[in-house]
Amino acid sequence: MTDIDAARAAKRVLVECFADDPRVSGIGISGDEAHLVIRVNLVNANEVPEDLPERVLGFPVAVDEVGKIGAH
């Protein structure tokens, strides 16, 4: 498994855990091949899910406040 495949698996773990959490706007992967990070986009940075891990499957988890995302 390549690093990007492993990062995709880590992302899927978080999507399964937080897909229905209204505090989470989205989950993605960022960084370069040597430093991949799982990004969790939050509606409000002050409302981080208490069970959000710092790492998942060995990848660091970072949070960004992006607000609510929806169709226009």
PDB file of N, CA and C in Angstrom:
ATOM      1  N   MET A   1       0.845  -1.180   0.000  1.00  0.00           N
ATOM      2  CA  MET A   1       0.000   0.000   0.000  1.00  0.00           C
ATOM      3  C   MET A   1       0.891   1.243   0.000  1.00  0.00           C
ATOM      4  N   THR A   2       0.587   2.198  -0.863  1.00  0.00           N
ATOM      5  CA  THR A   2       1.356   3.442  -0.903  1.00  0.00           C
ATOM      6  C   THR A   2       0.920   4.366   0.229  1.00  0.00           C
ATOM      7  N   ASP A   3       1.720   5.410   0.456  1.00  0.00           N
ATOM      8  CA  ASP A   3       1.371   6.375   1.501  1.00  0.00           C
ATOM      9  C   ASP A   3       0.020   7.029   1.241  1.00  0.00           C
ATOM     10  N   ILE A   4      -0.272   7.378  -0.009  1.00  0.00           N
ATOM     11  CA  ILE A   4      -1.551   8.018  -0.306  1.00  0.00           C
ATOM     12  C   ILE A   4      -2.705   7.040  -0.094  1.00  0.00           C
ATOM     13  N   ASP A   5      -2.497   5.770  -0.400  1.00  0.00           N
ATOM     14  CA  ASP A   5      -3.539   4.769  -0.137  1.00  0.00           C
ATOM     15  C   ASP A   5      -3.791   4.640   1.357  1.00  0.00           C
ATOM     16  N   ALA A   6      -2.723   4.651   2.149  1.00  0.00           N
ATOM     17  CA  ALA A   6      -2.868   4.571   3.601  1.00  0.00           C
ATOM     18  C   ALA A   6      -3.566   5.824   4.141  1.00  0.00           C
ATOM     19  N   ALA A   7      -3.246   6.983   3.573  1.00  0.00           N
ATOM     20  CA  ALA A   7      -3.902   8.224   3.995  1.00  0.00           C
ATOM     21  C   ALA A   7      -5.387   8.188   3.646  1.00  0.00           C
ATOM     22  N   ARG A   8      -5.722   7.647   2.501  1.00  0.00           N
ATOM     23  CA  ARG A   8      -7.139   7.507   2.123  1.00  0.00           C
ATOM     24  C   ARG A   8      -7.870   6.590   3.095  1.00  0.00           C
ATOM     25  N   ALA A   9      -7.197   5.539   3.538  1.00  0.00           N
ATOM     26  CA  ALA A   9      -7.805   4.642   4.521  1.00  0.00           C
ATOM     27  C   ALA A   9      -8.020   5.374   5.839  1.00  0.00           C
ATOM     28  N   ALA A  10      -7.055   6.192   6.241  1.00  0.00           N
ATOM     29  CA  ALA A  10      -7.192   6.980   7.476  1.00  0.00           C
ATOM     30  C   ALA A  10      -8.341   7.968   7.344  1.00  0.00           C
ATOM     31  N   LYS A  11      -8.462   8.599   6.191  1.00  0.00           N
ATOM     32  CA  LYS A  11      -9.571   9.526   5.953  1.00  0.00           C
ATOM     33  C   LYS A  11     -10.906   8.802   6.078  1.00  0.00           C
ATOM     34  N   ARG A  12     -11.005   7.600   5.500  1.00  0.00           N
ATOM     35  CA  ARG A  12     -12.251   6.826   5.576  1.00  0.00           C
ATOM     36  C   ARG A  12     -12.635   6.527   7.026  1.00  0.00           C
ATOM     37  N   VAL A  13     -11.634   6.248   7.860  1.00  0.00           N
ATOM     38  CA  VAL A  13     -11.914   5.990   9.284  1.00  0.00           C
ATOM     39  C   VAL A  13     -12.598   7.207   9.898  1.00  0.00           C
ATOM     40  N   LEU A  14     -12.054   8.396   9.636  1.00  0.00           N
ATOM     41  CA  LEU A  14     -12.640   9.607  10.208  1.00  0.00           C
ATOM     42  C   LEU A  14     -13.996   9.919   9.594  1.00  0.00           C
ATOM     43  N   VAL A  15     -14.149   9.687   8.297  1.00  0.00           N
ATOM     44  CA  VAL A  15     -15.454   9.927   7.660  1.00  0.00           C
ATOM     45  C   VAL A  15     -16.511   9.033   8.305  1.00  0.00           C
ATOM     46  N   GLU A  16     -16.179   7.781   8.537  1.00  0.00           N
ATOM     47  CA  GLU A  16     -17.131   6.866   9.180  1.00  0.00           C
ATOM     48  C   GLU A  16     -17.512   7.335  10.577  1.00  0.00           C
ATOM     49  N   CYS A  17     -16.566   7.898  11.291  1.00  0.00           N
ATOM     50  CA  CYS A  17     -16.817   8.340  12.672  1.00  0.00           C
ATOM     51  C   CYS A  17     -17.553   9.677  12.751  1.00  0.00           C
ATOM     52  N   PHE A  18     -17.292  10.578  11.800  1.00  0.00           N
ATOM     53  CA  PHE A  18     -17.779  11.957  11.944  1.00  0.00           C
ATOM     54  C   PHE A  18     -18.683  12.436  10.819  1.00  0.00           C
ATOM     55  N   ALA A  19     -19.124  11.561   9.930  1.00  0.00           N
ATOM     56  CA  ALA A  19     -19.951  11.964   8.791  1.00  0.00           C
ATOM     57  C   ALA A  19     -21.248  12.642   9.232  1.00  0.00           C
ATOM     58  N   ASP A  20     -21.817  12.224  10.328  1.00  0.00           N
ATOM     59  CA  ASP A  20     -23.093  12.780  10.789  1.00  0.00           C
ATOM     60  C   ASP A  20     -22.930  13.850  11.862  1.00  0.00           C
ATOM     61  N   ASP A  21     -21.703  14.254  12.132  1.00  0.00           N
ATOM     62  CA  ASP A  21     -21.448  15.260  13.168  1.00  0.00           C
ATOM     63  C   ASP A  21     -21.640  16.654  12.563  1.00  0.00           C
ATOM     64  N   PRO A  22     -22.604  17.426  13.039  1.00  0.00           N
ATOM     65  CA  PRO A  22     -22.865  18.742  12.447  1.00  0.00           C
ATOM     66  C   PRO A  22     -21.729  19.747  12.646  1.00  0.00           C
ATOM     67  N   ARG A  23     -20.782  19.452  13.520  1.00  0.00           N
ATOM     68  CA  ARG A  23     -19.637  20.339  13.740  1.00  0.00           C
ATOM     69  C   ARG A  23     -18.588  20.187  12.645  1.00  0.00           C
ATOM     70  N   VAL A  24     -18.650  19.077  11.889  1.00  0.00           N
ATOM     71  CA  VAL A  24     -17.648  18.767  10.866  1.00  0.00           C
ATOM     72  C   VAL A  24     -18.196  19.130   9.487  1.00  0.00           C
ATOM     73  N   SER A  25     -17.475  20.008   8.773  1.00  0.00           N
ATOM     74  CA  SER A  25     -17.870  20.422   7.418  1.00  0.00           C
ATOM     75  C   SER A  25     -17.318  19.490   6.354  1.00  0.00           C
ATOM     76  N   GLY A  26     -16.181  18.854   6.627  1.00  0.00           N
ATOM     77  CA  GLY A  26     -15.577  17.968   5.652  1.00  0.00           C
ATOM     78  C   GLY A  26     -14.273  17.393   6.165  1.00  0.00           C
ATOM     79  N   ILE A  27     -13.789  16.377   5.472  1.00  0.00           N
ATOM     80  CA  ILE A  27     -12.545  15.709   5.848  1.00  0.00           C
ATOM     81  C   ILE A  27     -11.754  15.466   4.570  1.00  0.00           C
ATOM     82  N   GLY A  28     -10.466  15.796   4.604  1.00  0.00           N
ATOM     83  CA  GLY A  28      -9.638  15.635   3.416  1.00  0.00           C
ATOM     84  C   GLY A  28      -8.208  15.271   3.760  1.00  0.00           C
ATOM     85  N   ILE A  29      -7.384  15.249   2.735  1.00  0.00           N
ATOM     86  CA  ILE A  29      -5.966  14.924   2.861  1.00  0.00           C
ATOM     87  C   ILE A  29      -5.181  16.096   2.290  1.00  0.00           C
ATOM     88  N   SER A  30      -4.128  16.507   2.983  1.00  0.00           N
ATOM     89  CA  SER A  30      -3.277  17.577   2.457  1.00  0.00           C
ATOM     90  C   SER A  30      -1.821  17.230   2.710  1.00  0.00           C
ATOM     91  N   GLY A  31      -0.939  18.073   2.194  1.00  0.00           N
ATOM     92  CA  GLY A  31       0.495  17.863   2.352  1.00  0.00           C
ATOM     93  C   GLY A  31       1.086  17.244   1.106  1.00  0.00           C
ATOM     94  N   ASP A  32       2.381  16.972   1.190  1.00  0.00           N
ATOM     95  CA  ASP A  32       3.046  16.312   0.065  1.00  0.00           C
ATOM     96  C   ASP A  32       3.227  14.836   0.396  1.00  0.00           C
ATOM     97  N   GLU A  33       3.712  14.096  -0.548  1.00  0.00           N
ATOM     98  CA  GLU A  33       3.827  12.643  -0.402  1.00  0.00           C
ATOM     99  C   GLU A  33       4.586  12.231   0.863  1.00  0.00           C
ATOM    100  N   ALA A  34       5.547  13.043   1.294  1.00  0.00           N
ATOM    101  CA  ALA A  34       6.356  12.705   2.469  1.00  0.00           C
ATOM    102  C   ALA A  34       5.719  13.153   3.784  1.00  0.00           C
ATOM    103  N   HIS A  35       4.748  14.072   3.721  1.00  0.00           N
ATOM    104  CA  HIS A  35       4.159  14.640   4.941  1.00  0.00           C
ATOM    105  C   HIS A  35       2.655  14.776   4.795  1.00  0.00           C
ATOM    106  N   LEU A  36       1.966  13.676   4.654  1.00  0.00           N
ATOM    107  CA  LEU A  36       0.521  13.709   4.494  1.00  0.00           C
ATOM    108  C   LEU A  36      -0.169  13.939   5.833  1.00  0.00           C
ATOM    109  N   VAL A  37      -1.231  14.724   5.789  1.00  0.00           N
ATOM    110  CA  VAL A  37      -2.005  15.084   6.977  1.00  0.00           C
ATOM    111  C   VAL A  37      -3.479  14.877   6.659  1.00  0.00           C
ATOM    112  N   ILE A  38      -4.225  14.380   7.617  1.00  0.00           N
ATOM    113  CA  ILE A  38      -5.665  14.283   7.469  1.00  0.00           C
ATOM    114  C   ILE A  38      -6.261  15.570   8.041  1.00  0.00           C
ATOM    115  N   ARG A  39      -6.982  16.323   7.220  1.00  0.00           N
ATOM    116  CA  ARG A  39      -7.560  17.606   7.628  1.00  0.00           C
ATOM    117  C   ARG A  39      -9.036  17.435   7.934  1.00  0.00           C
ATOM    118  N   VAL A  40      -9.435  17.941   9.075  1.00  0.00           N
ATOM    119  CA  VAL A  40     -10.841  17.946   9.461  1.00  0.00           C
ATOM    120  C   VAL A  40     -11.298  19.401   9.465  1.00  0.00           C
ATOM    121  N   ASN A  41     -12.241  19.710   8.583  1.00  0.00           N
ATOM    122  CA  ASN A  41     -12.769  21.059   8.482  1.00  0.00           C
ATOM    123  C   ASN A  41     -13.967  21.192   9.415  1.00  0.00           C
ATOM    124  N   LEU A  42     -13.902  22.203  10.266  1.00  0.00           N
ATOM    125  CA  LEU A  42     -14.939  22.402  11.272  1.00  0.00           C
ATOM    126  C   LEU A  42     -15.752  23.652  10.985  1.00  0.00           C
ATOM    127  N   VAL A  43     -17.000  23.633  11.407  1.00  0.00           N
ATOM    128  CA  VAL A  43     -17.851  24.814  11.321  1.00  0.00           C
ATOM    129  C   VAL A  43     -17.305  25.885  12.258  1.00  0.00           C
ATOM    130  N   ASN A  44     -16.899  25.483  13.458  1.00  0.00           N
ATOM    131  CA  ASN A  44     -16.406  26.414  14.478  1.00  0.00           C
ATOM    132  C   ASN A  44     -15.218  25.748  15.186  1.00  0.00           C
ATOM    133  N   ALA A  45     -14.075  26.404  15.173  1.00  0.00           N
ATOM    134  CA  ALA A  45     -12.866  25.829  15.784  1.00  0.00           C
ATOM    135  C   ALA A  45     -12.994  25.653  17.287  1.00  0.00           C
ATOM    136  N   ASN A  46     -13.953  26.324  17.903  1.00  0.00           N
ATOM    137  CA  ASN A  46     -14.172  26.180  19.348  1.00  0.00           C
ATOM    138  C   ASN A  46     -15.028  24.962  19.680  1.00  0.00           C
ATOM    139  N   GLU A  47     -15.503  24.268  18.662  1.00  0.00           N
ATOM    140  CA  GLU A  47     -16.356  23.102  18.875  1.00  0.00           C
ATOM    141  C   GLU A  47     -15.739  21.855  18.246  1.00  0.00           C
ATOM    142  N   VAL A  48     -14.553  21.523  18.699  1.00  0.00           N
ATOM    143  CA  VAL A  48     -13.847  20.333  18.211  1.00  0.00           C
ATOM    144  C   VAL A  48     -14.469  19.099  18.868  1.00  0.00           C
ATOM    145  N   PRO A  49     -14.851  18.093  18.087  1.00  0.00           N
ATOM    146  CA  PRO A  49     -15.382  16.868  18.697  1.00  0.00           C
ATOM    147  C   PRO A  49     -14.397  16.310  19.719  1.00  0.00           C
ATOM    148  N   GLU A  50     -14.896  16.012  20.897  1.00  0.00           N
ATOM    149  CA  GLU A  50     -14.017  15.563  21.984  1.00  0.00           C
ATOM    150  C   GLU A  50     -13.331  14.236  21.690  1.00  0.00           C
ATOM    151  N   ASP A  51     -13.894  13.434  20.797  1.00  0.00           N
ATOM    152  CA  ASP A  51     -13.286  12.142  20.474  1.00  0.00           C
ATOM    153  C   ASP A  51     -12.469  12.179  19.171  1.00  0.00           C
ATOM    154  N   LEU A  52     -12.169  13.374  18.660  1.00  0.00           N
ATOM    155  CA  LEU A  52     -11.323  13.491  17.475  1.00  0.00           C
ATOM    156  C   LEU A  52      -9.883  13.163  17.867  1.00  0.00           C
ATOM    157  N   PRO A  53      -9.285  12.152  17.222  1.00  0.00           N
ATOM    158  CA  PRO A  53      -7.917  11.762  17.604  1.00  0.00           C
ATOM    159  C   PRO A  53      -6.871  12.728  17.060  1.00  0.00           C
ATOM    160  N   GLU A  54      -5.699  12.734  17.674  1.00  0.00           N
ATOM    161  CA  GLU A  54      -4.575  13.530  17.177  1.00  0.00           C
ATOM    162  C   GLU A  54      -3.897  12.850  15.992  1.00  0.00           C
ATOM    163  N   ARG A  55      -4.020  11.525  15.934  1.00  0.00           N
ATOM    164  CA  ARG A  55      -3.457  10.734  14.825  1.00  0.00           C
ATOM    165  C   ARG A  55      -4.447   9.622  14.514  1.00  0.00           C
ATOM    166  N   VAL A  56      -4.471   9.232  13.251  1.00  0.00           N
ATOM    167  CA  VAL A  56      -5.286   8.088  12.843  1.00  0.00           C
ATOM    168  C   VAL A  56      -4.466   7.267  11.848  1.00  0.00           C
ATOM    169  N   LEU A  57      -4.326   5.991  12.145  1.00  0.00           N
ATOM    170  CA  LEU A  57      -3.519   5.071  11.336  1.00  0.00           C
ATOM    171  C   LEU A  57      -2.129   5.633  11.058  1.00  0.00           C
ATOM    172  N   GLY A  58      -1.589   6.352  12.040  1.00  0.00           N
ATOM    173  CA  GLY A  58      -0.237   6.890  11.933  1.00  0.00           C
ATOM    174  C   GLY A  58      -0.135   8.274  11.319  1.00  0.00           C
ATOM    175  N   PHE A  59      -1.223   8.810  10.786  1.00  0.00           N
ATOM    176  CA  PHE A  59      -1.205  10.137  10.163  1.00  0.00           C
ATOM    177  C   PHE A  59      -1.678  11.202  11.151  1.00  0.00           C
ATOM    178  N   PRO A  60      -1.014  12.357  11.167  1.00  0.00           N
ATOM    179  CA  PRO A  60      -1.477  13.440  12.035  1.00  0.00           C
ATOM    180  C   PRO A  60      -2.819  13.981  11.544  1.00  0.00           C
ATOM    181  N   VAL A  61      -3.627  14.419  12.498  1.00  0.00           N
ATOM    182  CA  VAL A  61      -4.921  15.020  12.196  1.00  0.00           C
ATOM    183  C   VAL A  61      -4.831  16.501  12.537  1.00  0.00           C
ATOM    184  N   ALA A  62      -5.198  17.344  11.581  1.00  0.00           N
ATOM    185  CA  ALA A  62      -5.199  18.794  11.786  1.00  0.00           C
ATOM    186  C   ALA A  62      -6.618  19.311  11.595  1.00  0.00           C
ATOM    187  N   VAL A  63      -6.970  20.353  12.321  1.00  0.00           N
ATOM    188  CA  VAL A  63      -8.300  20.941  12.180  1.00  0.00           C
ATOM    189  C   VAL A  63      -8.196  22.349  11.625  1.00  0.00           C
ATOM    190  N   ASP A  64      -9.171  22.712  10.811  1.00  0.00           N
ATOM    191  CA  ASP A  64      -9.281  24.049  10.239  1.00  0.00           C
ATOM    192  C   ASP A  64     -10.723  24.510  10.408  1.00  0.00           C
ATOM    193  N   GLU A  65     -10.893  25.763  10.753  1.00  0.00           N
ATOM    194  CA  GLU A  65     -12.234  26.334  10.811  1.00  0.00           C
ATOM    195  C   GLU A  65     -12.569  26.884   9.424  1.00  0.00           C
ATOM    196  N   VAL A  66     -13.601  26.346   8.804  1.00  0.00           N
ATOM    197  CA  VAL A  66     -13.990  26.785   7.468  1.00  0.00           C
ATOM    198  C   VAL A  66     -15.440  27.276   7.415  1.00  0.00           C
ATOM    199  N   GLY A  67     -16.154  27.112   8.510  1.00  0.00           N
ATOM    200  CA  GLY A  67     -17.556  27.494   8.508  1.00  0.00           C
ATOM    201  C   GLY A  67     -18.423  26.407   7.913  1.00  0.00           C
ATOM    202  N   LYS A  68     -19.698  26.712   7.774  1.00  0.00           N
ATOM    203  CA  LYS A  68     -20.643  25.754   7.211  1.00  0.00           C
ATOM    204  C   LYS A  68     -20.523  25.777   5.697  1.00  0.00           C
ATOM    205  N   ILE A  69     -20.444  24.603   5.092  1.00  0.00           N
ATOM    206  CA  ILE A  69     -20.315  24.482   3.646  1.00  0.00           C
ATOM    207  C   ILE A  69     -21.646  23.962   3.109  1.00  0.00           C
ATOM    208  N   GLY A  70     -22.143  24.601   2.087  1.00  0.00           N
ATOM    209  CA  GLY A  70     -23.409  24.158   1.496  1.00  0.00           C
ATOM    210  C   GLY A  70     -23.541  24.684   0.080  1.00  0.00           C
ATOM    211  N   ALA A  71     -24.598  24.260  -0.576  1.00  0.00           N
ATOM    212  CA  ALA A  71     -24.870  24.702  -1.947  1.00  0.00           C
ATOM    213  C   ALA A  71     -25.388  26.135  -1.933  1.00  0.00           C
ATOM    214  N   HIS A  72     -25.096  26.850  -2.990  1.00  0.00           N
ATOM    215  CA  HIS A  72     -25.592  28.242  -3.125  1.00  0.00           C
ATOM    216  C   HIS A  72     -26.769  28.270  -4.047  1.00  0.00           C
TER     217      HIS A  72
END
